[in-house]
Structure formats: C-alpha cells, structure tokens
C-alpha cells in the first residue's frame, strides 16, 4: 500500500506516501483516486498558459462546427492530470522520470467529463550505475467515469531503494 503514517513524536503522525523500489511488484495495478471532473476554466487556463492557439480548445462556435460538436479539452492538460493522479502511487519518492513513450490519445475528453487513472507495473530492475536505486517501468491508462479509455502511456522512473533516502523534515525526529 502506498499510504502510511509515520510516528514523528508522542501522539503525532505524518502521512508517508509513495513507494520504494522494493514495494513495486510486476503485474500489480494501482487504481489512482480521487478522480477529477474537468471544468471549462481548467481547459481555458491551461490552453492560455501553454499558448495553444487551436480554437477547438476555446472557441465554442468553431468547436460546434467540428466533428466533435463542442470544445475538446486540451490533451496536454489531460496528460498532466493523469500523471498527477499517478504520482502518489508510482513516483512520489522518485528521483527522476527517465522517459515517456507510447503516448496514445484514444478518445477525446470534454468539459464535464470525470477522469480517473490506473497504472500497471510492467518491469523493474536494479540500476547498474546507482546501487541504491532501481528503475521501474509502468503503463498508465486515463479512463472516463464510464470506463472508456482515453489515453495510455508508458513511463520509466528512477526510484530509491528502502532506507536510502530520508528527507530533512524526517531527520529532525530521528534519535
């Protein structure tokens, strides 16, 4: 399980999320929660922030004449949200993302859709150059609330082995 509490003092606990290399098991699937309902503001702000000028993402009249008949949510936004949903289970303790491959956008996402994500551990191996770390490969799916897959991608993550990292906040509570 990715969620734990660590006692940091008398009657005091700190949430501890994420996984060390040893906690990953090939074949395990993590269902990421909570989901997220996409709003018009989410899509407009992200589209403007990233300077994506395609009117399909922000011009209602233009989008109404498209094959979709309405505004389509910026796929980079949905990718970012799906990745964010996966962090607590897959990369909260990661040292780095090593790569992204096979990003497929299989269905459009619309304002008002609620999306979820899940990740499967595909592979893991110890790092050859960093003995205290391992590399984990996952495949993540973006799913609408009705179960329709709208996105899939693979990610490779560099993860520490257990006991190899202690953040500064935790150090002050150690004896």
N, C-alpha and C. Protein backbone atom coordinates (compact mmCIF):
# COMPACT_ATOMS: atom_id res chain seq x y z
N UNK A 1 0.84 -1.18 0.00
CA UNK A 1 0.00 0.00 0.00
C UNK A 1 0.88 1.24 0.00
N UNK A 2 0.46 2.28 -0.70
CA UNK A 2 1.30 3.46 -0.85
C UNK A 2 1.10 4.49 0.25
N UNK A 3 0.10 4.33 1.09
CA UNK A 3 -0.21 5.32 2.11
C UNK A 3 0.10 4.76 3.49
N UNK A 4 0.92 5.47 4.22
CA UNK A 4 1.26 5.07 5.58
C UNK A 4 1.35 6.31 6.46
N UNK A 5 1.39 6.09 7.73
CA UNK A 5 1.64 7.18 8.66
C UNK A 5 2.87 6.81 9.47
N UNK A 6 3.73 7.77 9.65
CA UNK A 6 4.95 7.57 10.43
C UNK A 6 4.83 8.38 11.70
N UNK A 7 5.11 7.74 12.83
CA UNK A 7 5.05 8.46 14.08
C UNK A 7 6.26 9.37 14.17
N UNK A 8 6.00 10.66 14.42
CA UNK A 8 7.07 11.65 14.47
C UNK A 8 7.27 12.22 15.87
N UNK A 9 6.46 11.80 16.78
CA UNK A 9 6.55 12.25 18.16
C UNK A 9 5.38 11.68 18.93
N UNK A 10 5.28 11.97 20.22
CA UNK A 10 4.15 11.47 21.00
C UNK A 10 2.83 11.98 20.43
N UNK A 11 1.91 11.07 20.13
CA UNK A 11 0.59 11.41 19.59
C UNK A 11 0.67 12.25 18.32
N UNK A 12 1.73 12.05 17.55
CA UNK A 12 1.93 12.87 16.34
C UNK A 12 2.35 11.95 15.18
N UNK A 13 1.68 12.12 14.01
CA UNK A 13 1.94 11.25 12.87
C UNK A 13 2.04 12.08 11.59
N UNK A 14 2.84 11.61 10.67
CA UNK A 14 2.98 12.26 9.37
C UNK A 14 2.61 11.28 8.27
N UNK A 15 1.83 11.76 7.31
CA UNK A 15 1.49 10.95 6.15
C UNK A 15 2.77 10.63 5.38
N UNK A 16 2.88 9.42 4.91
CA UNK A 16 4.02 8.99 4.11
C UNK A 16 3.46 8.26 2.90
N UNK A 17 3.63 8.85 1.73
CA UNK A 17 3.08 8.25 0.52
C UNK A 17 4.20 7.93 -0.46
N UNK A 18 3.88 7.08 -1.39
CA UNK A 18 4.86 6.69 -2.39
C UNK A 18 5.41 5.31 -2.12
N UNK A 19 6.26 4.86 -3.02
CA UNK A 19 6.82 3.51 -2.94
C UNK A 19 8.32 3.55 -3.16
N UNK A 20 8.99 2.67 -2.45
CA UNK A 20 10.40 2.41 -2.71
C UNK A 20 10.48 1.30 -3.75
N UNK A 21 11.65 1.11 -4.30
CA UNK A 21 11.87 0.11 -5.35
C UNK A 21 11.31 -1.26 -4.94
N UNK A 22 11.56 -1.67 -3.70
CA UNK A 22 11.13 -3.00 -3.23
C UNK A 22 9.62 -3.14 -3.18
N UNK A 23 8.90 -2.03 -3.11
CA UNK A 23 7.44 -2.08 -2.99
C UNK A 23 6.72 -2.32 -4.31
N UNK A 24 7.43 -2.21 -5.41
CA UNK A 24 6.82 -2.43 -6.73
C UNK A 24 6.85 -3.91 -7.07
N UNK A 25 5.74 -4.43 -7.55
CA UNK A 25 5.64 -5.83 -7.98
C UNK A 25 5.12 -5.85 -9.41
N UNK A 26 5.87 -6.47 -10.29
CA UNK A 26 5.46 -6.56 -11.69
C UNK A 26 4.08 -7.22 -11.76
N UNK A 27 3.19 -6.59 -12.51
CA UNK A 27 1.83 -7.09 -12.65
C UNK A 27 0.82 -6.40 -11.76
N UNK A 28 1.28 -5.74 -10.69
CA UNK A 28 0.36 -5.02 -9.82
C UNK A 28 -0.25 -3.84 -10.57
N UNK A 29 -1.50 -3.55 -10.27
CA UNK A 29 -2.21 -2.41 -10.85
C UNK A 29 -2.67 -1.51 -9.71
N UNK A 30 -2.35 -0.22 -9.84
CA UNK A 30 -2.74 0.77 -8.85
C UNK A 30 -3.87 1.63 -9.43
N UNK A 31 -5.01 1.63 -8.77
CA UNK A 31 -6.13 2.48 -9.18
C UNK A 31 -5.97 3.81 -8.46
N UNK A 32 -5.76 4.87 -9.24
CA UNK A 32 -5.48 6.18 -8.66
C UNK A 32 -6.78 6.93 -8.36
N UNK A 33 -6.89 7.39 -7.16
CA UNK A 33 -8.05 8.16 -6.72
C UNK A 33 -7.58 9.34 -5.89
N UNK A 34 -8.28 10.44 -5.86
CA UNK A 34 -9.62 10.65 -6.41
C UNK A 34 -9.57 10.95 -7.90
N UNK A 35 -10.75 10.92 -8.51
CA UNK A 35 -10.88 11.32 -9.90
C UNK A 35 -10.93 12.83 -9.99
N UNK A 36 -11.12 13.31 -11.21
CA UNK A 36 -11.15 14.77 -11.42
C UNK A 36 -12.14 15.09 -12.52
N UNK A 37 -13.10 15.98 -12.23
CA UNK A 37 -14.02 16.46 -13.24
C UNK A 37 -13.40 17.69 -13.89
N UNK A 38 -13.30 17.65 -15.22
CA UNK A 38 -12.66 18.73 -15.96
C UNK A 38 -13.64 19.88 -16.16
N UNK A 39 -13.22 21.08 -15.78
CA UNK A 39 -14.07 22.26 -15.94
C UNK A 39 -13.63 23.09 -17.13
N UNK A 40 -14.49 23.98 -17.53
CA UNK A 40 -14.18 24.91 -18.62
C UNK A 40 -13.00 25.79 -18.22
N UNK A 41 -12.96 26.22 -16.97
CA UNK A 41 -11.85 27.05 -16.50
C UNK A 41 -10.52 26.30 -16.58
N UNK A 42 -10.51 25.03 -16.18
CA UNK A 42 -9.29 24.22 -16.29
C UNK A 42 -8.75 24.28 -17.71
N UNK A 43 -9.64 23.99 -18.66
CA UNK A 43 -9.24 23.91 -20.06
C UNK A 43 -8.81 25.27 -20.61
N UNK A 44 -9.55 26.32 -20.30
CA UNK A 44 -9.20 27.66 -20.79
C UNK A 44 -7.87 28.13 -20.22
N UNK A 45 -7.70 27.98 -18.92
CA UNK A 45 -6.45 28.44 -18.29
C UNK A 45 -5.25 27.68 -18.84
N UNK A 46 -5.37 26.37 -18.94
CA UNK A 46 -4.25 25.56 -19.44
C UNK A 46 -3.93 25.92 -20.89
N UNK A 47 -4.97 26.08 -21.70
CA UNK A 47 -4.77 26.42 -23.10
C UNK A 47 -4.06 27.77 -23.22
N UNK A 48 -4.48 28.76 -22.45
CA UNK A 48 -3.83 30.07 -22.49
C UNK A 48 -2.42 30.02 -21.92
N UNK A 49 -2.24 29.31 -20.83
CA UNK A 49 -0.93 29.20 -20.20
C UNK A 49 0.11 28.60 -21.14
N UNK A 50 -0.31 27.61 -21.89
CA UNK A 50 0.63 26.91 -22.78
C UNK A 50 0.67 27.53 -24.18
N UNK A 51 -0.10 28.59 -24.38
CA UNK A 51 -0.12 29.33 -25.66
C UNK A 51 -0.58 28.45 -26.82
N UNK A 52 -1.47 27.51 -26.53
CA UNK A 52 -2.05 26.66 -27.56
C UNK A 52 -3.19 27.45 -28.20
N UNK A 53 -3.02 27.85 -29.43
CA UNK A 53 -4.00 28.73 -30.06
C UNK A 53 -5.02 27.99 -30.93
N UNK A 54 -5.10 26.68 -30.81
CA UNK A 54 -6.10 25.97 -31.62
C UNK A 54 -7.50 26.27 -31.09
N UNK A 55 -8.38 26.81 -31.94
CA UNK A 55 -9.70 27.22 -31.47
C UNK A 55 -10.59 26.06 -30.99
N UNK A 56 -10.25 24.84 -31.31
CA UNK A 56 -11.04 23.70 -30.85
C UNK A 56 -11.07 23.64 -29.32
N UNK A 57 -10.08 24.27 -28.67
CA UNK A 57 -9.98 24.22 -27.21
C UNK A 57 -10.64 25.41 -26.50
N UNK A 58 -11.01 26.47 -27.25
CA UNK A 58 -11.55 27.63 -26.54
C UNK A 58 -12.60 28.44 -27.30
N UNK A 59 -12.91 28.09 -28.51
CA UNK A 59 -13.89 28.82 -29.32
C UNK A 59 -15.12 27.93 -29.51
N UNK A 60 -16.17 28.23 -28.77
CA UNK A 60 -17.38 27.41 -28.78
C UNK A 60 -18.00 27.32 -30.17
N UNK A 61 -18.04 28.43 -30.89
CA UNK A 61 -18.65 28.44 -32.23
C UNK A 61 -17.83 27.56 -33.17
N UNK A 62 -16.52 27.74 -33.17
CA UNK A 62 -15.65 26.92 -34.00
C UNK A 62 -15.81 25.44 -33.66
N UNK A 63 -15.74 25.13 -32.37
CA UNK A 63 -15.83 23.73 -31.92
C UNK A 63 -17.18 23.12 -32.27
N UNK A 64 -18.25 23.92 -32.25
CA UNK A 64 -19.58 23.39 -32.56
C UNK A 64 -19.68 22.91 -34.01
N UNK A 65 -18.82 23.42 -34.88
CA UNK A 65 -18.83 23.03 -36.29
C UNK A 65 -17.85 21.90 -36.59
N UNK A 66 -17.14 21.45 -35.56
CA UNK A 66 -16.17 20.36 -35.74
C UNK A 66 -16.89 19.02 -35.66
N UNK A 67 -16.19 17.95 -35.96
CA UNK A 67 -16.79 16.61 -35.85
C UNK A 67 -17.20 16.27 -34.43
N UNK A 68 -16.64 16.99 -33.43
CA UNK A 68 -16.97 16.71 -32.03
C UNK A 68 -18.19 17.50 -31.56
N UNK A 69 -18.49 18.61 -32.23
CA UNK A 69 -19.67 19.39 -31.91
C UNK A 69 -19.55 20.25 -30.66
N UNK A 70 -18.41 20.22 -30.05
CA UNK A 70 -18.19 21.01 -28.83
C UNK A 70 -16.69 21.12 -28.55
N UNK A 71 -16.37 21.91 -27.55
CA UNK A 71 -14.96 22.13 -27.19
C UNK A 71 -14.34 20.82 -26.72
N UNK A 72 -13.14 20.55 -27.21
CA UNK A 72 -12.35 19.39 -26.78
C UNK A 72 -11.30 19.87 -25.79
N UNK A 73 -11.18 19.16 -24.68
CA UNK A 73 -10.18 19.52 -23.67
C UNK A 73 -8.78 19.29 -24.24
N UNK A 74 -7.90 20.22 -23.98
CA UNK A 74 -6.50 20.15 -24.41
C UNK A 74 -5.89 18.84 -23.90
N UNK A 75 -5.37 18.02 -24.82
CA UNK A 75 -4.84 16.71 -24.43
C UNK A 75 -3.62 16.80 -23.53
N UNK A 76 -2.88 17.90 -23.62
CA UNK A 76 -1.74 18.05 -22.70
C UNK A 76 -2.23 18.27 -21.27
N UNK A 77 -3.40 18.88 -21.12
CA UNK A 77 -3.99 19.03 -19.79
C UNK A 77 -4.39 17.68 -19.24
N UNK A 78 -5.07 16.86 -20.05
CA UNK A 78 -5.48 15.56 -19.54
C UNK A 78 -4.27 14.69 -19.23
N UNK A 79 -3.22 14.79 -20.05
CA UNK A 79 -1.99 14.05 -19.75
C UNK A 79 -1.42 14.50 -18.41
N UNK A 80 -1.36 15.79 -18.19
CA UNK A 80 -0.82 16.32 -16.93
C UNK A 80 -1.63 15.86 -15.72
N UNK A 81 -2.95 15.88 -15.85
CA UNK A 81 -3.80 15.45 -14.74
C UNK A 81 -3.63 13.96 -14.48
N UNK A 82 -3.61 13.15 -15.53
CA UNK A 82 -3.45 11.71 -15.33
C UNK A 82 -2.11 11.40 -14.69
N UNK A 83 -1.05 12.05 -15.14
CA UNK A 83 0.25 11.85 -14.50
C UNK A 83 0.16 12.26 -13.03
N UNK A 84 -0.42 13.42 -12.77
CA UNK A 84 -0.56 13.88 -11.39
C UNK A 84 -1.31 12.91 -10.51
N UNK A 85 -2.35 12.30 -11.05
CA UNK A 85 -3.10 11.29 -10.29
C UNK A 85 -2.24 10.10 -9.92
N UNK A 86 -1.27 9.79 -10.77
CA UNK A 86 -0.45 8.59 -10.55
C UNK A 86 0.72 8.80 -9.59
N UNK A 87 1.04 10.04 -9.29
CA UNK A 87 2.26 10.33 -8.53
C UNK A 87 2.29 9.67 -7.15
N UNK A 88 1.21 9.77 -6.39
CA UNK A 88 1.26 9.25 -5.02
C UNK A 88 1.53 7.75 -4.98
N UNK A 89 1.09 7.02 -6.00
CA UNK A 89 1.31 5.57 -6.05
C UNK A 89 2.61 5.17 -6.73
N UNK A 90 3.05 5.95 -7.71
CA UNK A 90 4.16 5.48 -8.53
C UNK A 90 5.46 6.27 -8.38
N UNK A 91 5.37 7.57 -8.22
CA UNK A 91 6.61 8.37 -8.28
C UNK A 91 6.77 9.40 -7.18
N UNK A 92 6.01 9.29 -6.11
CA UNK A 92 6.13 10.26 -5.01
C UNK A 92 7.54 10.26 -4.42
N UNK A 93 8.19 9.13 -4.37
CA UNK A 93 9.55 9.04 -3.83
C UNK A 93 10.61 9.03 -4.94
N UNK A 94 10.21 9.17 -6.18
CA UNK A 94 11.13 9.05 -7.32
C UNK A 94 12.23 10.11 -7.28
N UNK A 95 13.35 9.73 -7.84
CA UNK A 95 14.47 10.65 -8.03
C UNK A 95 14.29 11.39 -9.35
N UNK A 96 13.79 10.67 -10.37
CA UNK A 96 13.59 11.28 -11.68
C UNK A 96 12.67 10.43 -12.55
N UNK A 97 11.97 11.10 -13.45
CA UNK A 97 11.33 10.42 -14.57
C UNK A 97 12.42 10.24 -15.61
N UNK A 98 12.58 9.03 -16.11
CA UNK A 98 13.64 8.76 -17.09
C UNK A 98 13.15 8.81 -18.53
N UNK A 99 11.87 8.61 -18.72
CA UNK A 99 11.35 8.66 -20.08
C UNK A 99 9.87 8.39 -20.16
N UNK A 100 9.30 8.83 -21.27
CA UNK A 100 7.89 8.66 -21.58
C UNK A 100 7.83 8.09 -22.99
N UNK A 101 7.04 7.07 -23.20
CA UNK A 101 6.91 6.51 -24.54
C UNK A 101 5.46 6.12 -24.79
N UNK A 102 5.17 5.85 -26.04
CA UNK A 102 3.88 5.28 -26.45
C UNK A 102 2.68 6.05 -25.90
N UNK A 103 2.74 7.38 -25.97
CA UNK A 103 1.59 8.19 -25.54
C UNK A 103 0.55 8.12 -26.65
N UNK A 104 -0.60 7.51 -26.33
CA UNK A 104 -1.69 7.37 -27.29
C UNK A 104 -2.93 8.05 -26.74
N UNK A 105 -3.54 8.89 -27.57
CA UNK A 105 -4.77 9.59 -27.22
C UNK A 105 -5.88 8.90 -27.99
N UNK A 106 -6.65 8.08 -27.29
CA UNK A 106 -7.59 7.19 -27.98
C UNK A 106 -9.02 7.72 -28.07
N UNK A 107 -9.38 8.68 -27.23
CA UNK A 107 -10.71 9.29 -27.25
C UNK A 107 -10.58 10.74 -26.79
N UNK A 108 -11.45 11.62 -27.28
CA UNK A 108 -11.42 13.00 -26.79
C UNK A 108 -12.00 13.08 -25.38
N UNK A 109 -11.59 14.11 -24.67
CA UNK A 109 -12.15 14.42 -23.35
C UNK A 109 -12.85 15.76 -23.48
N UNK A 110 -14.03 15.87 -22.86
CA UNK A 110 -14.82 17.08 -22.96
C UNK A 110 -15.00 17.71 -21.59
N UNK A 111 -15.27 19.02 -21.58
CA UNK A 111 -15.59 19.71 -20.34
C UNK A 111 -16.76 18.96 -19.68
N UNK A 112 -16.63 18.71 -18.39
CA UNK A 112 -17.66 17.98 -17.65
C UNK A 112 -17.35 16.51 -17.46
N UNK A 113 -16.42 15.96 -18.26
CA UNK A 113 -16.02 14.56 -18.07
C UNK A 113 -15.25 14.42 -16.75
N UNK A 114 -15.51 13.33 -16.06
CA UNK A 114 -14.74 12.98 -14.87
C UNK A 114 -13.77 11.89 -15.28
N UNK A 115 -12.49 12.11 -14.96
CA UNK A 115 -11.47 11.16 -15.39
C UNK A 115 -10.79 10.52 -14.18
N UNK A 116 -10.31 9.32 -14.42
CA UNK A 116 -9.58 8.53 -13.43
C UNK A 116 -8.34 7.97 -14.10
N UNK A 117 -7.50 7.33 -13.33
CA UNK A 117 -6.29 6.73 -13.90
C UNK A 117 -5.94 5.46 -13.14
N UNK A 118 -5.20 4.60 -13.82
CA UNK A 118 -4.63 3.42 -13.18
C UNK A 118 -3.32 3.09 -13.85
N UNK A 119 -2.40 2.53 -13.07
CA UNK A 119 -1.08 2.19 -13.59
C UNK A 119 -0.75 0.75 -13.28
N UNK A 120 -0.11 0.09 -14.24
CA UNK A 120 0.35 -1.28 -14.07
C UNK A 120 1.87 -1.29 -14.09
N UNK A 121 2.46 -2.03 -13.15
CA UNK A 121 3.91 -2.19 -13.13
C UNK A 121 4.28 -3.21 -14.21
N UNK A 122 5.05 -2.78 -15.20
CA UNK A 122 5.42 -3.65 -16.31
C UNK A 122 6.76 -4.34 -16.09
N UNK A 123 7.67 -3.62 -15.46
CA UNK A 123 9.02 -4.18 -15.26
C UNK A 123 9.74 -3.39 -14.18
N UNK A 124 10.77 -4.01 -13.64
CA UNK A 124 11.65 -3.32 -12.70
C UNK A 124 13.01 -3.99 -12.74
N UNK A 125 14.03 -3.17 -12.50
CA UNK A 125 15.39 -3.71 -12.44
C UNK A 125 16.24 -2.77 -11.60
N UNK A 126 17.25 -3.34 -11.00
CA UNK A 126 18.17 -2.52 -10.23
C UNK A 126 19.00 -1.68 -11.20
N UNK A 127 19.33 -0.48 -10.78
CA UNK A 127 20.17 0.38 -11.60
C UNK A 127 21.59 -0.15 -11.61
N UNK A 128 22.21 -0.18 -12.78
CA UNK A 128 23.59 -0.64 -12.88
C UNK A 128 24.57 0.40 -12.34
N UNK A 129 24.25 1.67 -12.51
CA UNK A 129 25.18 2.74 -12.12
C UNK A 129 24.89 3.32 -10.74
N UNK A 130 23.70 3.07 -10.20
CA UNK A 130 23.31 3.62 -8.90
C UNK A 130 22.80 2.48 -8.04
N UNK A 131 23.66 1.90 -7.25
CA UNK A 131 23.33 0.68 -6.50
C UNK A 131 22.20 0.87 -5.48
N UNK A 132 21.95 2.09 -5.06
CA UNK A 132 20.91 2.33 -4.07
C UNK A 132 19.56 2.66 -4.71
N UNK A 133 19.46 2.44 -6.04
CA UNK A 133 18.24 2.82 -6.75
C UNK A 133 17.85 1.74 -7.77
N UNK A 134 16.61 1.82 -8.21
CA UNK A 134 16.11 0.90 -9.22
C UNK A 134 15.28 1.64 -10.24
N UNK A 135 15.03 0.99 -11.36
CA UNK A 135 14.24 1.57 -12.44
C UNK A 135 12.95 0.77 -12.57
N UNK A 136 11.84 1.48 -12.57
CA UNK A 136 10.52 0.86 -12.64
C UNK A 136 9.83 1.36 -13.91
N UNK A 137 9.28 0.44 -14.67
CA UNK A 137 8.51 0.78 -15.87
C UNK A 137 7.04 0.53 -15.63
N UNK A 138 6.23 1.54 -15.92
CA UNK A 138 4.79 1.42 -15.72
C UNK A 138 4.04 1.81 -17.00
N UNK A 139 2.81 1.33 -17.11
CA UNK A 139 1.88 1.79 -18.15
C UNK A 139 0.69 2.39 -17.41
N UNK A 140 0.33 3.61 -17.79
CA UNK A 140 -0.78 4.30 -17.15
C UNK A 140 -1.90 4.50 -18.16
N UNK A 141 -3.12 4.27 -17.70
CA UNK A 141 -4.32 4.49 -18.51
C UNK A 141 -5.11 5.65 -17.93
N UNK A 142 -5.65 6.50 -18.82
CA UNK A 142 -6.63 7.50 -18.44
C UNK A 142 -7.99 6.95 -18.78
N UNK A 143 -8.91 6.99 -17.84
CA UNK A 143 -10.24 6.39 -18.01
C UNK A 143 -11.31 7.40 -17.67
N UNK A 144 -12.35 7.46 -18.49
CA UNK A 144 -13.52 8.27 -18.15
C UNK A 144 -14.34 7.52 -17.11
N UNK A 145 -15.28 8.21 -16.49
CA UNK A 145 -16.07 7.60 -15.42
C UNK A 145 -16.88 6.40 -15.89
N UNK A 146 -17.15 6.31 -17.18
CA UNK A 146 -17.89 5.15 -17.70
C UNK A 146 -16.96 3.99 -18.07
N UNK A 147 -15.66 4.15 -17.81
CA UNK A 147 -14.68 3.10 -18.09
C UNK A 147 -14.00 3.22 -19.44
N UNK A 148 -14.42 4.19 -20.27
CA UNK A 148 -13.81 4.39 -21.58
C UNK A 148 -12.37 4.87 -21.43
N UNK A 149 -11.46 4.16 -22.08
CA UNK A 149 -10.06 4.57 -22.07
C UNK A 149 -9.89 5.74 -23.04
N UNK A 150 -9.24 6.81 -22.58
CA UNK A 150 -9.00 7.95 -23.47
C UNK A 150 -7.52 8.22 -23.68
N UNK A 151 -6.67 7.55 -22.92
CA UNK A 151 -5.24 7.79 -23.02
C UNK A 151 -4.47 6.63 -22.43
N UNK A 152 -3.30 6.38 -22.98
CA UNK A 152 -2.38 5.40 -22.39
C UNK A 152 -0.95 5.86 -22.68
N UNK A 153 -0.05 5.58 -21.77
CA UNK A 153 1.36 5.90 -21.97
C UNK A 153 2.21 5.03 -21.07
N UNK A 154 3.49 4.95 -21.41
CA UNK A 154 4.46 4.24 -20.57
C UNK A 154 5.43 5.25 -19.99
N UNK A 155 5.89 4.94 -18.80
CA UNK A 155 6.82 5.84 -18.11
C UNK A 155 7.88 5.00 -17.40
N UNK A 156 9.09 5.50 -17.40
CA UNK A 156 10.21 4.85 -16.71
C UNK A 156 10.66 5.78 -15.59
N UNK A 157 10.77 5.23 -14.38
CA UNK A 157 11.02 6.04 -13.18
C UNK A 157 12.22 5.51 -12.42
N UNK A 158 13.10 6.40 -11.99
CA UNK A 158 14.23 6.05 -11.12
C UNK A 158 13.77 6.22 -9.68
N UNK A 159 13.80 5.11 -8.91
CA UNK A 159 13.24 5.08 -7.57
C UNK A 159 14.30 4.61 -6.58
N UNK A 160 14.37 5.23 -5.39
CA UNK A 160 15.34 4.77 -4.39
C UNK A 160 14.91 3.45 -3.76
N UNK A 161 15.89 2.70 -3.30
CA UNK A 161 15.59 1.51 -2.51
C UNK A 161 15.25 1.97 -1.09
N UNK A 162 14.55 1.14 -0.37
CA UNK A 162 14.14 1.47 1.00
C UNK A 162 15.36 1.77 1.86
N UNK A 163 15.22 2.79 2.70
CA UNK A 163 16.29 3.15 3.62
C UNK A 163 17.40 3.98 3.00
N UNK A 164 17.26 4.33 1.74
CA UNK A 164 18.33 5.08 1.07
C UNK A 164 18.12 6.59 1.09
N UNK A 165 16.91 7.04 1.37
CA UNK A 165 16.65 8.47 1.43
C UNK A 165 15.85 8.79 2.67
N UNK A 166 16.19 9.87 3.28
CA UNK A 166 15.44 10.41 4.41
C UNK A 166 15.39 11.91 4.20
N UNK A 167 14.18 12.46 4.11
CA UNK A 167 14.12 13.91 3.88
C UNK A 167 14.47 14.68 5.15
N UNK A 168 14.82 15.94 4.98
CA UNK A 168 15.26 16.78 6.10
C UNK A 168 14.21 16.88 7.19
N UNK A 169 12.94 16.91 6.82
CA UNK A 169 11.86 17.01 7.79
C UNK A 169 11.85 15.78 8.69
N UNK A 170 12.10 14.58 8.13
CA UNK A 170 12.10 13.36 8.93
C UNK A 170 13.33 13.30 9.83
N UNK A 171 14.45 13.84 9.41
CA UNK A 171 15.69 13.76 10.18
C UNK A 171 15.56 14.35 11.57
N UNK A 172 14.82 15.43 11.69
CA UNK A 172 14.75 16.10 12.98
C UNK A 172 14.00 15.29 14.03
N UNK A 173 13.31 14.21 13.61
CA UNK A 173 12.59 13.37 14.55
C UNK A 173 13.32 12.08 14.89
N UNK A 174 14.43 11.84 14.20
CA UNK A 174 15.17 10.61 14.45
C UNK A 174 16.03 10.74 15.72
N UNK A 175 16.19 9.63 16.40
CA UNK A 175 17.02 9.63 17.61
C UNK A 175 18.49 9.49 17.27
